[in-house]
């Protein structure tokens, strides 16, 4: 009976040993509270949540944009959509369709969340916006920084034929975009953001899609303010024109003509835009100011080229918009060189557009039968644009009576030429940094096609079409005192002879006892199993009773 004790005690011993082993091992599975987090190798390193490496001290915000041309169909007709309920009614309405060409923009924002958007330069051959929604135009080039770009990105494009040729026809396009940013000095690099585009030629409004594409308007001028006799005469004269009103009665035969003929506006010579954001010196201090500049280069443009009513506009003074912010309202400036345009018909100067005389109207008239009989054959079946005396030959006998003959036509529209005045806004800012911000915008020339009360088509908008040439915007913001060019947050250099710091040992806790105890218990368990299996077993016989034993 005593020899059976090792077998009976084998299982309790094994369970006890395993319990002793498991307890420390389970404790080791949880990190002990006394074990410290290992510090960084360099004690002067910033915490993990701080930017790594040296950081620039300079803060700057600025952008500049320039467009050679913007064509707006049904301006101020589409509501602006916003995610805020009820706020759309407070914003100005968008055009139903906008087509732009020769676009350049430069942007700088030291506070951008993404480092790749600290500096952006983009040059685009054109763009389209439908009710304010604009996809990225093909053929555009752009650069972003960081990382820094040592050289600009350029493009050259000869636009193919598209359905938009009815509005805009463009020649060879070239563009360049250059954006830079320093990891240590931030915006204190040259150039910072620079974008430019150039066009070999440009023609705009080869048709006016908001006007009817048919010549017979009988019964359609229901809202006209003309008398019944005048309305009948106007309807009959429109039928006799070689083209519908969408082509201005045949004056706009289409974009396939050479030298811009067939378009309302044409620019036959090379024209270009440039948008730049840079840092400039502030007198008396080492800090910098933020300067955004928009420039436009246009020699001349033509209205109704190739027709007897051709007008030329010579750009005497090139427009330049420059906004500079020093961070102080007293020293920040907006400089604008207003354009000066001479409106000529042949050799005669009709009008000079400048800041003092910003608007000039050119009437669009339909000659009545009494006037048609007296006109030369070249003018008999065309609308009359402007003063009749300017369209007649100099030796025409009608010149002496041109003033009276002008009364024998019905004006159905107006070509309004205007220079958009400078608009600017200044404000002190507290976010994202304390400083001063300036913004300004201007346009070299606006041309609007406006209907008169005689053209009584139902649902006719107040402006049939609008073309803007030389749109310019600029904004600059600098911190108080100017932009500081320097670096902060760099790691300190260790002493030359100081030994490299050693990694501190981890605290010795009960966790380190788990490993040897685990292997000791396992070894004991295996030895016990082997001993139990190796011991011989002896069978015990039961003795029979004495009476059962045979002698």
Protein backbone atom coordinates (compact mmCIF):
# COMPACT_ATOMS: atom_id res chain seq x y z
CA UNK A 1 0.00 0.00 0.00
CA UNK A 2 2.83 2.45 0.77
CA UNK A 3 4.43 1.91 -2.62
CA UNK A 4 1.32 3.24 -4.35
CA UNK A 5 1.83 6.73 -2.81
CA UNK A 6 4.24 8.08 -5.49
CA UNK A 7 1.68 7.24 -8.18
CA UNK A 8 -1.15 8.82 -6.21
CA UNK A 9 0.87 11.97 -5.53
CA UNK A 10 2.19 12.37 -9.11
CA UNK A 11 -0.83 14.33 -10.42
CA UNK A 12 -1.15 16.75 -7.45
CA UNK A 13 2.56 17.47 -7.65
CA UNK A 14 2.34 18.24 -11.39
CA UNK A 15 -0.68 20.54 -10.87
CA UNK A 16 1.09 22.31 -8.01
CA UNK A 17 4.25 22.89 -10.05
CA UNK A 18 2.22 24.21 -12.99
CA UNK A 19 0.37 26.58 -10.67
CA UNK A 20 3.63 27.96 -9.35
CA UNK A 21 4.89 28.46 -12.88
CA UNK A 22 1.72 30.00 -14.30
CA UNK A 23 1.34 32.63 -11.59
CA UNK A 24 4.59 34.51 -12.33
CA UNK A 25 4.12 34.04 -16.06
CA UNK A 26 0.63 35.62 -15.91
CA UNK A 27 2.04 38.50 -13.93
CA UNK A 28 4.71 39.01 -16.58
CA UNK A 29 2.03 39.35 -19.28
CA UNK A 30 1.01 42.80 -17.86
CA UNK A 31 3.65 45.55 -18.01
CA UNK A 32 4.68 46.39 -14.48
CA UNK A 33 3.97 49.93 -13.37
CA UNK A 34 7.51 50.43 -12.21
CA UNK A 35 9.07 49.96 -15.65
CA UNK A 36 9.76 53.45 -17.17
CA UNK A 37 9.32 54.34 -20.85
CA UNK A 38 12.69 54.34 -22.62
CA UNK A 39 13.78 57.97 -23.32
CA UNK A 40 15.13 59.05 -26.75
CA UNK A 41 18.79 58.51 -27.43
CA UNK A 42 19.35 62.27 -27.66
CA UNK A 43 17.99 63.97 -24.50
CA UNK A 44 17.68 67.25 -26.45
CA UNK A 45 15.31 65.76 -29.03
CA UNK A 46 11.76 67.25 -29.15
CA UNK A 47 8.78 65.13 -28.14
CA UNK A 48 7.22 62.84 -30.72
CA UNK A 49 4.33 65.25 -31.41
CA UNK A 50 6.62 68.17 -32.39
CA UNK A 51 7.93 68.79 -35.94
CA UNK A 52 11.16 66.98 -36.60
CA UNK A 53 14.20 69.05 -37.46
CA UNK A 54 14.69 72.81 -37.78
CA UNK A 55 11.61 74.87 -38.63
CA UNK A 56 11.39 78.22 -40.47
CA UNK A 57 10.40 81.31 -38.53
CA UNK A 58 8.74 83.11 -41.45
CA UNK A 59 4.94 83.36 -41.83
CA UNK A 60 3.45 84.63 -45.10
CA UNK A 61 0.19 84.43 -47.05
CA UNK A 62 -0.28 85.75 -50.56
CA UNK A 63 -1.86 84.99 -53.92
CA UNK A 64 -2.09 86.59 -57.34
CA UNK A 65 -4.20 85.62 -60.33
CA UNK A 66 -4.43 86.90 -63.90
CA UNK A 67 -6.75 85.92 -66.77
CA UNK A 68 -6.38 87.06 -70.34
CA UNK A 69 -10.05 86.60 -71.07
CA UNK A 70 -13.25 85.50 -69.36
CA UNK A 71 -16.44 84.94 -71.36
CA UNK A 72 -19.61 84.92 -69.28
CA UNK A 73 -22.92 83.72 -70.68
CA UNK A 74 -26.00 84.85 -68.72
CA UNK A 75 -23.99 86.58 -65.99
CA UNK A 76 -25.54 86.75 -62.52
CA UNK A 77 -28.23 84.21 -63.42
CA UNK A 78 -27.31 81.04 -61.49
CA UNK A 79 -27.59 80.88 -57.69
CA UNK A 80 -24.47 80.04 -55.71
CA UNK A 81 -24.72 76.68 -53.94
CA UNK A 82 -23.40 76.33 -50.39
CA UNK A 83 -23.61 73.68 -47.69
CA UNK A 84 -25.03 76.24 -45.23
CA UNK A 85 -28.84 76.46 -45.41
CA UNK A 86 -30.16 79.87 -46.42
CA UNK A 87 -26.69 81.29 -47.09
CA UNK A 88 -26.87 80.95 -50.88
CA UNK A 89 -29.28 83.89 -51.05
CA UNK A 90 -26.67 86.19 -49.47
CA UNK A 91 -23.95 85.40 -52.05
CA UNK A 92 -23.78 86.96 -55.54
CA UNK A 93 -25.13 84.81 -58.33
CA UNK A 94 -22.86 82.96 -60.78
CA UNK A 95 -22.87 82.97 -64.56
CA UNK A 96 -24.58 80.09 -66.33
CA UNK A 97 -21.35 79.45 -68.25
CA UNK A 98 -17.84 80.86 -67.92
CA UNK A 99 -14.97 80.18 -70.30
CA UNK A 100 -11.51 81.51 -69.47
CA UNK A 101 -8.19 81.45 -71.31
CA UNK A 102 -4.63 82.35 -70.43
CA UNK A 103 -4.95 81.74 -66.68
CA UNK A 104 -2.02 82.05 -64.28
CA UNK A 105 -2.08 81.91 -60.48
CA UNK A 106 0.53 81.99 -57.72
CA UNK A 107 -0.25 81.10 -54.09
CA UNK A 108 1.76 81.05 -50.86
CA UNK A 109 0.49 79.94 -47.45
CA UNK A 110 2.90 79.18 -44.64
CA UNK A 111 -0.03 78.05 -42.47
CA UNK A 112 -1.21 75.31 -44.82
CA UNK A 113 -1.83 71.99 -43.07
CA UNK A 114 -0.23 70.09 -45.94
CA UNK A 115 3.43 70.94 -46.51
CA UNK A 116 2.94 70.27 -50.24
CA UNK A 117 0.64 73.32 -50.40
CA UNK A 118 2.95 75.92 -48.86
CA UNK A 119 3.67 77.27 -52.35
CA UNK A 120 1.60 76.61 -55.50
CA UNK A 121 2.07 77.94 -59.04
CA UNK A 122 -0.30 77.03 -61.85
CA UNK A 123 -0.53 78.01 -65.51
CA UNK A 124 -3.57 76.88 -67.45
CA UNK A 125 -4.44 77.28 -71.14
CA UNK A 126 -8.09 77.62 -70.23
CA UNK A 127 -10.95 76.58 -68.03
CA UNK A 128 -14.71 76.13 -68.04
CA UNK A 129 -17.16 76.71 -65.19
CA UNK A 130 -20.83 75.69 -65.36
CA UNK A 131 -22.87 77.52 -62.71
CA UNK A 132 -19.71 78.05 -60.67
CA UNK A 133 -18.48 74.42 -60.84
CA UNK A 134 -15.14 74.09 -62.59
CA UNK A 135 -13.22 70.85 -63.31
CA UNK A 136 -9.46 70.80 -63.79
CA UNK A 137 -8.63 71.85 -67.35
CA UNK A 138 -6.48 69.48 -69.44
CA UNK A 139 -3.07 70.76 -70.43
CA UNK A 140 -2.54 72.72 -67.20
CA UNK A 141 0.82 72.65 -65.46
CA UNK A 142 1.36 73.17 -61.75
CA UNK A 143 4.11 72.95 -59.18
CA UNK A 144 3.73 72.56 -55.43
CA UNK A 145 6.31 72.85 -52.67
CA UNK A 146 7.48 71.11 -50.56
CA UNK A 147 9.54 69.44 -51.94
CA UNK A 148 11.45 72.33 -53.46
CA UNK A 149 11.64 72.77 -57.24
CA UNK A 150 14.86 74.12 -58.69
CA UNK A 151 13.41 74.53 -62.19
CA UNK A 152 9.96 75.54 -63.45
CA UNK A 153 7.54 73.27 -65.30
CA UNK A 154 6.57 74.48 -68.77
CA UNK A 155 4.06 73.51 -71.45
CA UNK A 156 3.20 74.29 -75.06
CA UNK A 157 -0.21 73.53 -76.54
CA UNK A 158 -1.95 74.06 -79.84
CA UNK A 159 -5.62 73.66 -78.85
CA UNK A 160 -7.69 71.35 -81.07
CA UNK A 161 -11.14 72.16 -82.39
CA UNK A 162 -13.85 71.87 -79.76
CA UNK A 163 -17.57 72.71 -79.45
CA UNK A 164 -16.48 75.82 -77.52
CA UNK A 165 -15.04 77.31 -80.71
CA UNK A 166 -18.42 79.01 -81.11
CA UNK A 167 -17.39 81.13 -78.13
CA UNK A 168 -13.59 81.19 -78.08
CA UNK A 169 -10.86 80.39 -80.59
CA UNK A 170 -7.27 80.25 -79.33
CA UNK A 171 -3.88 80.04 -81.03
CA UNK A 172 -0.67 78.52 -79.69
CA UNK A 173 -0.44 78.52 -75.88
CA UNK A 174 2.64 78.50 -73.68
CA UNK A 175 2.89 78.42 -69.91
CA UNK A 176 5.29 78.13 -67.00
CA UNK A 177 4.84 77.38 -63.29
CA UNK A 178 7.51 77.59 -60.58
CA UNK A 179 6.86 77.04 -56.87
CA UNK A 180 9.56 76.93 -54.18
CA UNK A 181 9.75 76.49 -50.40
CA UNK A 182 12.67 75.92 -48.04
CA UNK A 183 12.51 73.34 -45.26
CA UNK A 184 14.62 75.61 -43.04
CA UNK A 185 13.86 79.15 -44.29
CA UNK A 186 10.26 78.67 -45.45
CA UNK A 187 9.19 81.46 -47.84
CA UNK A 188 12.61 83.16 -47.84
CA UNK A 189 13.55 81.82 -51.27
CA UNK A 190 13.67 83.32 -54.77
CA UNK A 191 11.51 82.85 -56.75
CA UNK A 192 8.76 81.90 -54.33
CA UNK A 193 5.71 81.35 -56.57
CA UNK A 194 5.68 82.44 -60.22
CA UNK A 195 3.26 81.48 -63.02
CA UNK A 196 2.84 82.85 -66.55
CA UNK A 197 0.96 82.14 -69.78
CA UNK A 198 1.14 83.52 -73.31
CA UNK A 199 -1.16 83.20 -76.34
CA UNK A 200 -0.31 83.74 -79.97
CA UNK A 201 -3.86 84.88 -80.82
CA UNK A 202 -7.34 84.90 -79.38
CA UNK A 203 -10.87 85.46 -80.70
CA UNK A 204 -13.93 85.72 -78.48
CA UNK A 205 -17.69 85.53 -78.96
CA UNK A 206 -17.88 84.04 -82.42
CA UNK A 207 -21.60 83.76 -81.67
CA UNK A 208 -24.06 84.95 -79.03
CA UNK A 209 -25.93 81.80 -77.94
CA UNK A 210 -28.49 83.71 -75.86
CA UNK A 211 -29.99 85.25 -79.02
CA UNK A 212 -32.25 83.38 -81.47
CA UNK A 213 -30.59 81.34 -84.22
CA UNK A 214 -33.35 82.09 -86.76
CA UNK A 215 -34.13 85.14 -88.88
CA UNK A 216 -37.92 84.98 -88.79
CA UNK A 217 -39.06 86.41 -85.45
CA UNK A 218 -42.67 87.07 -86.45
CA UNK A 219 -44.88 86.87 -83.38
CA UNK A 220 -41.91 86.31 -81.04
CA UNK A 221 -41.16 89.90 -80.02
CA UNK A 222 -44.16 89.95 -77.69
CA UNK A 223 -42.56 92.15 -75.03
CA UNK A 224 -41.21 94.84 -77.35
CA UNK A 225 -41.93 98.48 -76.51
CA UNK A 226 -42.18 99.46 -80.21
CA UNK A 227 -45.37 100.58 -81.87
CA UNK A 228 -47.15 98.00 -84.07
CA UNK A 229 -45.87 99.66 -87.27
CA UNK A 230 -42.28 99.79 -85.98
CA UNK A 231 -42.52 96.19 -84.79
CA UNK A 232 -43.68 95.03 -88.23
CA UNK A 233 -40.88 96.99 -89.91
CA UNK A 234 -38.28 95.50 -87.53
CA UNK A 235 -39.52 91.95 -88.11
CA UNK A 236 -39.38 92.41 -91.89
CA UNK A 237 -35.87 93.87 -91.76
CA UNK A 238 -34.59 91.01 -89.58
CA UNK A 239 -35.82 88.53 -92.21
CA UNK A 240 -33.70 90.31 -94.83
CA UNK A 241 -30.44 90.02 -92.86
CA UNK A 242 -27.95 87.38 -94.07
CA UNK A 243 -27.79 85.76 -90.62
CA UNK A 244 -29.76 85.42 -87.37
CA UNK A 245 -29.35 87.63 -84.34
CA UNK A 246 -27.08 84.97 -82.77
CA UNK A 247 -24.58 86.00 -85.48
CA UNK A 248 -25.49 89.70 -85.18
CA UNK A 249 -27.34 89.53 -88.46
CA UNK A 250 -24.39 87.99 -90.32
CA UNK A 251 -21.54 90.06 -88.81
CA UNK A 252 -20.29 86.98 -86.94
CA UNK A 253 -20.11 84.25 -89.61
CA UNK A 254 -18.02 81.93 -87.44
CA UNK A 255 -14.54 81.25 -86.06
CA UNK A 256 -12.96 79.80 -89.20
CA UNK A 257 -12.02 83.15 -90.66
CA UNK A 258 -8.45 84.39 -90.69
CA UNK A 259 -7.09 87.33 -88.66
CA UNK A 260 -9.96 87.20 -86.19
CA UNK A 261 -12.66 87.98 -88.76
CA UNK A 262 -16.00 86.53 -87.77
CA UNK A 263 -15.56 87.26 -84.04
CA UNK A 264 -16.86 90.05 -81.88
CA UNK A 265 -13.44 90.49 -80.21
CA UNK A 266 -10.07 89.38 -81.56
CA UNK A 267 -6.53 89.84 -80.32
CA UNK A 268 -4.18 89.12 -83.25
CA UNK A 269 -0.88 89.75 -81.44
CA UNK A 270 0.88 87.79 -78.71
CA UNK A 271 -0.48 88.53 -75.26
CA UNK A 272 0.60 87.24 -71.87
CA UNK A 273 -0.17 87.14 -68.15
CA UNK A 274 2.05 86.73 -65.12
CA UNK A 275 1.25 86.20 -61.43
CA UNK A 276 3.98 86.40 -58.79
CA UNK A 277 4.15 86.14 -54.99
CA UNK A 278 7.49 87.11 -53.44
CA UNK A 279 9.18 88.57 -50.39
CA UNK A 280 10.70 92.06 -50.64
CA UNK A 281 12.83 94.16 -48.32
CA UNK A 282 11.34 96.53 -45.76
CA UNK A 283 13.49 99.66 -45.37
CA UNK A 284 15.08 99.94 -41.94
CA UNK A 285 14.63 96.32 -40.90
CA UNK A 286 15.93 92.88 -41.78
CA UNK A 287 12.40 91.49 -42.04
CA UNK A 288 10.50 91.07 -45.31
CA UNK A 289 7.16 92.15 -46.76
CA UNK A 290 4.81 89.93 -48.80
CA UNK A 291 4.17 91.24 -52.33
CA UNK A 292 1.65 89.82 -54.82
CA UNK A 293 1.78 91.13 -58.40
CA UNK A 294 -0.47 90.59 -61.41
CA UNK A 295 0.69 91.89 -64.80
CA UNK A 296 -0.84 91.80 -68.27
CA UNK A 297 0.75 92.45 -71.67
CA UNK A 298 -1.66 93.28 -74.52
CA UNK A 299 -0.82 95.43 -77.54
CA UNK A 300 -4.22 95.89 -79.17
CA UNK A 301 -7.58 94.25 -79.79
CA UNK A 302 -10.20 94.51 -82.52
CA UNK A 303 -14.00 94.56 -82.48
CA UNK A 304 -15.86 93.09 -85.48
CA UNK A 305 -12.66 92.67 -87.49
CA UNK A 306 -13.17 92.21 -91.23
CA UNK A 307 -16.51 94.09 -91.30
CA UNK A 308 -17.33 97.67 -92.36
CA UNK A 309 -17.83 98.49 -88.66
CA UNK A 310 -14.45 97.31 -87.43
CA UNK A 311 -13.16 99.06 -84.30
CA UNK A 312 -9.65 98.89 -82.88
CA UNK A 313 -8.65 99.40 -79.25
CA UNK A 314 -5.01 100.25 -78.67
CA UNK A 315 -3.71 99.60 -75.17
CA UNK A 316 -1.68 102.71 -74.44
CA UNK A 317 -0.93 101.83 -70.79
CA UNK A 318 -0.48 98.24 -69.60
CA UNK A 319 -2.36 97.40 -66.36
CA UNK A 320 -0.36 96.24 -63.33
CA UNK A 321 -1.79 95.36 -59.92
CA UNK A 322 0.61 95.11 -56.97
CA UNK A 323 -0.31 94.48 -53.33
CA UNK A 324 2.35 94.71 -50.59
CA UNK A 325 1.79 93.86 -46.93
CA UNK A 326 4.38 94.71 -44.29
CA UNK A 327 2.18 93.55 -41.44
CA UNK A 328 1.35 97.18 -40.60
CA UNK A 329 -1.63 99.05 -42.09
CA UNK A 330 0.35 102.31 -42.26
CA UNK A 331 3.08 100.96 -44.54
CA UNK A 332 1.13 98.33 -46.55
CA UNK A 333 0.21 99.52 -50.05
CA UNK A 334 -1.87 98.80 -53.15
CA UNK A 335 -0.45 100.09 -56.43
CA UNK A 336 -2.46 99.92 -59.63
CA UNK A 337 -1.48 101.15 -63.06
CA UNK A 338 -4.84 101.76 -64.72
CA UNK A 339 -5.08 100.91 -68.42
CA UNK A 340 -5.64 103.52 -71.09
CA UNK A 341 -7.38 102.40 -74.30
CA UNK A 342 -8.00 104.37 -77.48
CA UNK A 343 -11.16 103.36 -79.38
CA UNK A 344 -10.63 104.01 -83.08
CA UNK A 345 -12.61 103.40 -86.25
CA UNK A 346 -10.25 103.66 -89.17
CA UNK A 347 -8.02 106.67 -88.50
CA UNK A 348 -10.55 108.45 -86.30
CA UNK A 349 -10.27 108.30 -82.51
CA UNK A 350 -13.83 107.88 -81.21
CA UNK A 351 -13.19 107.71 -77.50
CA UNK A 352 -10.49 107.20 -74.90
CA UNK A 353 -11.20 104.79 -72.05
CA UNK A 354 -9.41 105.58 -68.82
CA UNK A 355 -10.10 106.06 -65.12
CA UNK A 356 -11.79 109.42 -65.80
CA UNK A 357 -13.94 108.08 -68.67
CA UNK A 358 -14.56 104.42 -67.88
CA UNK A 359 -17.54 103.66 -70.19
CA UNK A 360 -18.34 103.91 -73.91
CA UNK A 361 -21.53 102.61 -75.58
CA UNK A 362 -21.73 101.44 -79.22
CA UNK A 363 -25.35 101.00 -80.44
CA UNK A 364 -26.49 98.03 -82.55
CA UNK A 365 -29.18 99.22 -84.97
CA UNK A 366 -31.38 97.73 -87.69
CA UNK A 367 -31.92 100.11 -90.67
CA UNK A 368 -35.53 100.82 -91.63
CA UNK A 369 -36.61 100.59 -95.29
CA UNK A 370 -36.25 104.36 -95.88
CA UNK A 371 -32.62 104.20 -94.77
CA UNK A 372 -31.84 100.95 -96.56
CA UNK A 373 -32.68 102.53 -99.93
CA UNK A 374 -29.99 105.20 -99.43
CA UNK A 375 -27.18 103.00 -98.07
CA UNK A 376 -24.31 101.65 -100.18
CA UNK A 377 -24.67 98.03 -101.28
CA UNK A 378 -22.09 96.88 -98.68
CA UNK A 379 -24.33 98.16 -95.84
CA UNK A 380 -27.83 97.44 -97.15
CA UNK A 381 -28.24 94.02 -95.55
CA UNK A 382 -26.25 94.44 -92.33
CA UNK A 383 -26.98 95.80 -88.87
CA UNK A 384 -25.46 99.21 -88.22
CA UNK A 385 -22.85 99.23 -85.46
CA UNK A 386 -22.10 102.64 -84.01
CA UNK A 387 -22.55 105.99 -85.70
CA UNK A 388 -23.45 105.73 -89.38
CA UNK A 389 -20.99 108.50 -90.24
CA UNK A 390 -18.07 106.32 -89.08
CA UNK A 391 -19.16 103.42 -91.30
CA UNK A 392 -19.70 105.49 -94.47
CA UNK A 393 -16.81 106.21 -96.83
CA UNK A 394 -15.26 109.62 -96.32
CA UNK A 395 -16.31 110.78 -99.82
CA UNK A 396 -19.90 109.53 -99.46
CA UNK A 397 -22.58 112.20 -100.12
CA UNK A 398 -24.45 110.84 -97.10
CA UNK A 399 -21.79 112.14 -94.72
CA UNK A 400 -23.38 115.57 -94.62
CA UNK A 401 -26.73 114.11 -93.56
CA UNK A 402 -25.49 111.20 -91.39
CA UNK A 403 -26.94 112.65 -88.19
CA UNK A 404 -30.47 112.66 -89.56
CA UNK A 405 -30.05 109.24 -91.13
CA UNK A 406 -29.18 107.75 -87.74
CA UNK A 407 -32.80 108.35 -86.75
CA UNK A 408 -33.95 105.95 -89.48
CA UNK A 409 -32.81 102.85 -87.57
CA UNK A 410 -34.04 100.92 -84.56
CA UNK A 411 -31.48 100.14 -81.84
CA UNK A 412 -31.98 96.60 -80.60
CA UNK A 413 -28.82 96.34 -78.51
CA UNK A 414 -25.72 98.04 -77.16
CA UNK A 415 -22.05 97.06 -77.03
CA UNK A 416 -20.87 98.55 -73.74
CA UNK A 417 -17.11 98.98 -73.27
CA UNK A 418 -15.94 99.75 -69.75
CA UNK A 419 -12.90 99.66 -67.54
CA UNK A 420 -13.58 98.04 -64.19
CA UNK A 421 -12.39 100.29 -61.39
CA UNK A 422 -10.03 99.15 -58.70
CA UNK A 423 -11.65 97.43 -55.73
CA UNK A 424 -9.64 96.88 -52.57
CA UNK A 425 -10.12 95.66 -49.03
CA UNK A 426 -7.84 95.94 -46.00
CA UNK A 427 -8.15 94.39 -42.54
CA UNK A 428 -6.12 93.62 -39.46
CA UNK A 429 -5.95 89.92 -38.70
CA UNK A 430 -5.46 87.90 -35.53
CA UNK A 431 -5.56 84.41 -37.07
CA UNK A 432 -3.61 82.43 -38.14
CA UNK A 433 -1.14 85.11 -37.03
CA UNK A 434 -1.38 88.72 -35.90
CA UNK A 435 -0.75 91.04 -38.81
CA UNK A 436 -2.34 92.93 -41.71
CA UNK A 437 -3.95 91.77 -44.95
CA UNK A 438 -4.64 93.63 -48.21
CA UNK A 439 -6.67 92.44 -51.22
CA UNK A 440 -7.49 94.12 -54.56
CA UNK A 441 -9.04 93.31 -57.93
CA UNK A 442 -9.43 95.05 -61.30
CA UNK A 443 -10.22 94.36 -64.96
CA UNK A 444 -8.67 95.94 -68.03
CA UNK A 445 -11.80 95.84 -70.19
CA UNK A 446 -15.39 94.62 -69.92
CA UNK A 447 -17.53 94.22 -73.02
CA UNK A 448 -21.22 93.57 -72.50
CA UNK A 449 -23.89 92.84 -75.08
CA UNK A 450 -27.05 94.47 -73.70
CA UNK A 451 -30.56 94.31 -75.20
CA UNK A 452 -32.83 97.37 -75.52
CA UNK A 453 -36.56 97.59 -74.91
CA UNK A 454 -37.12 97.22 -78.64
CA UNK A 455 -35.90 93.60 -78.56
CA UNK A 456 -38.87 92.18 -76.69
CA UNK A 457 -38.08 88.46 -76.56
CA UNK A 458 -39.64 86.72 -73.52
CA UNK A 459 -37.15 85.69 -70.85
CA UNK A 460 -34.32 87.77 -72.32
CA UNK A 461 -31.62 88.39 -69.67
CA UNK A 462 -30.40 91.86 -68.77
CA UNK A 463 -26.98 91.02 -70.26
CA UNK A 464 -26.79 88.70 -73.25
CA UNK A 465 -23.06 88.05 -72.88
CA UNK A 466 -20.06 89.51 -71.13
CA UNK A 467 -16.36 89.33 -72.00
CA UNK A 468 -13.72 90.41 -69.51
CA UNK A 469 -10.16 90.99 -70.67
CA UNK A 470 -7.31 91.20 -68.23
CA UNK A 471 -8.89 90.14 -64.92
CA UNK A 472 -6.46 90.71 -62.06
CA UNK A 473 -6.62 89.80 -58.36
CA UNK A 474 -3.96 90.04 -55.65
CA UNK A 475 -3.80 89.49 -51.90
CA UNK A 476 -0.98 89.71 -49.37
CA UNK A 477 -0.80 89.13 -45.61
CA UNK A 478 2.23 89.45 -43.35
CA UNK A 479 2.71 89.20 -39.56
CA UNK A 480 3.24 92.33 -37.52
CA UNK A 481 6.79 93.55 -38.03
CA UNK A 482 7.20 91.64 -41.29
CA UNK A 483 8.32 88.15 -42.25
CA UNK A 484 11.25 86.86 -40.21
CA UNK A 485 13.77 84.87 -42.26
CA UNK A 486 15.40 82.39 -39.93
CA UNK A 487 15.26 78.91 -38.45
CA UNK A 488 14.02 77.71 -35.07
CA UNK A 489 13.66 74.37 -33.32
CA UNK A 490 16.89 72.77 -34.52
CA UNK A 491 18.58 70.21 -32.23
CA UNK A 492 21.47 71.53 -30.12
CA UNK A 493 24.94 70.26 -30.98
CA UNK A 494 26.44 68.00 -28.24
CA UNK A 495 29.86 68.87 -26.73
CA UNK A 496 32.80 67.69 -28.79
CA UNK A 497 34.35 65.45 -26.07
CA UNK A 498 31.20 64.38 -24.30
CA UNK A 499 30.70 60.60 -24.40
CA UNK A 500 27.63 59.29 -26.12
CA UNK A 501 24.81 58.83 -23.58
CA UNK A 502 24.12 55.27 -22.59
CA UNK A 503 20.69 53.80 -22.61
CA UNK A 504 19.50 53.46 -18.98
CA UNK A 505 18.75 49.89 -17.86
CA UNK A 506 15.18 48.92 -17.29
CA UNK A 507 14.03 48.47 -13.67
CA UNK A 508 14.44 44.93 -12.28
CA UNK A 509 11.01 43.64 -11.26
CA UNK A 510 9.28 40.33 -10.61
CA UNK A 511 8.64 40.12 -14.34
CA UNK A 512 12.24 38.97 -14.89
CA UNK A 513 11.75 36.01 -12.47
CA UNK A 514 9.06 34.48 -14.63
CA UNK A 515 11.37 33.15 -17.30
CA UNK A 516 13.74 31.00 -15.12
CA UNK A 517 10.86 29.73 -13.00
CA UNK A 518 8.95 28.72 -16.09
CA UNK A 519 11.79 26.58 -17.43
CA UNK A 520 12.56 25.13 -13.96
CA UNK A 521 8.97 24.00 -13.52
CA UNK A 522 8.84 22.54 -17.00
CA UNK A 523 12.03 20.54 -16.37
CA UNK A 524 10.71 19.19 -13.06
CA UNK A 525 7.47 18.19 -14.72
CA UNK A 526 9.28 16.22 -17.41
CA UNK A 527 11.54 14.47 -14.84
CA UNK A 528 8.54 13.47 -12.76
CA UNK A 529 6.71 12.03 -15.76
CA UNK A 530 9.83 10.00 -16.71
CA UNK A 531 10.29 8.66 -13.16
CA UNK A 532 6.69 7.61 -12.85
CA UNK A 533 6.82 5.85 -16.19
CA UNK A 534 10.12 4.08 -15.39
CA UNK A 535 9.28 2.64 -11.95
CA UNK A 536 8.35 -1.12 -12.11
CA UNK A 537 4.93 -2.12 -10.88
CA UNK A 538 4.47 -5.27 -8.72
CA UNK A 539 1.24 -7.17 -8.80
CA UNK A 540 0.04 -8.25 -5.27
CA UNK A 541 -1.54 -11.68 -5.08
CA UNK A 542 -4.45 -12.42 -2.82
CA UNK A 543 -3.83 -15.61 -0.65
CA UNK A 544 -6.54 -18.16 -0.69
CA UNK A 545 -8.05 -19.37 2.58
CA UNK A 546 -6.32 -22.33 4.24
CA UNK A 547 -9.22 -24.64 3.69
CA UNK A 548 -8.91 -24.16 -0.04
CA UNK A 549 -5.29 -25.31 -0.09
CA UNK A 550 -4.78 -28.87 -1.09
CA UNK A 551 -2.17 -30.87 0.78
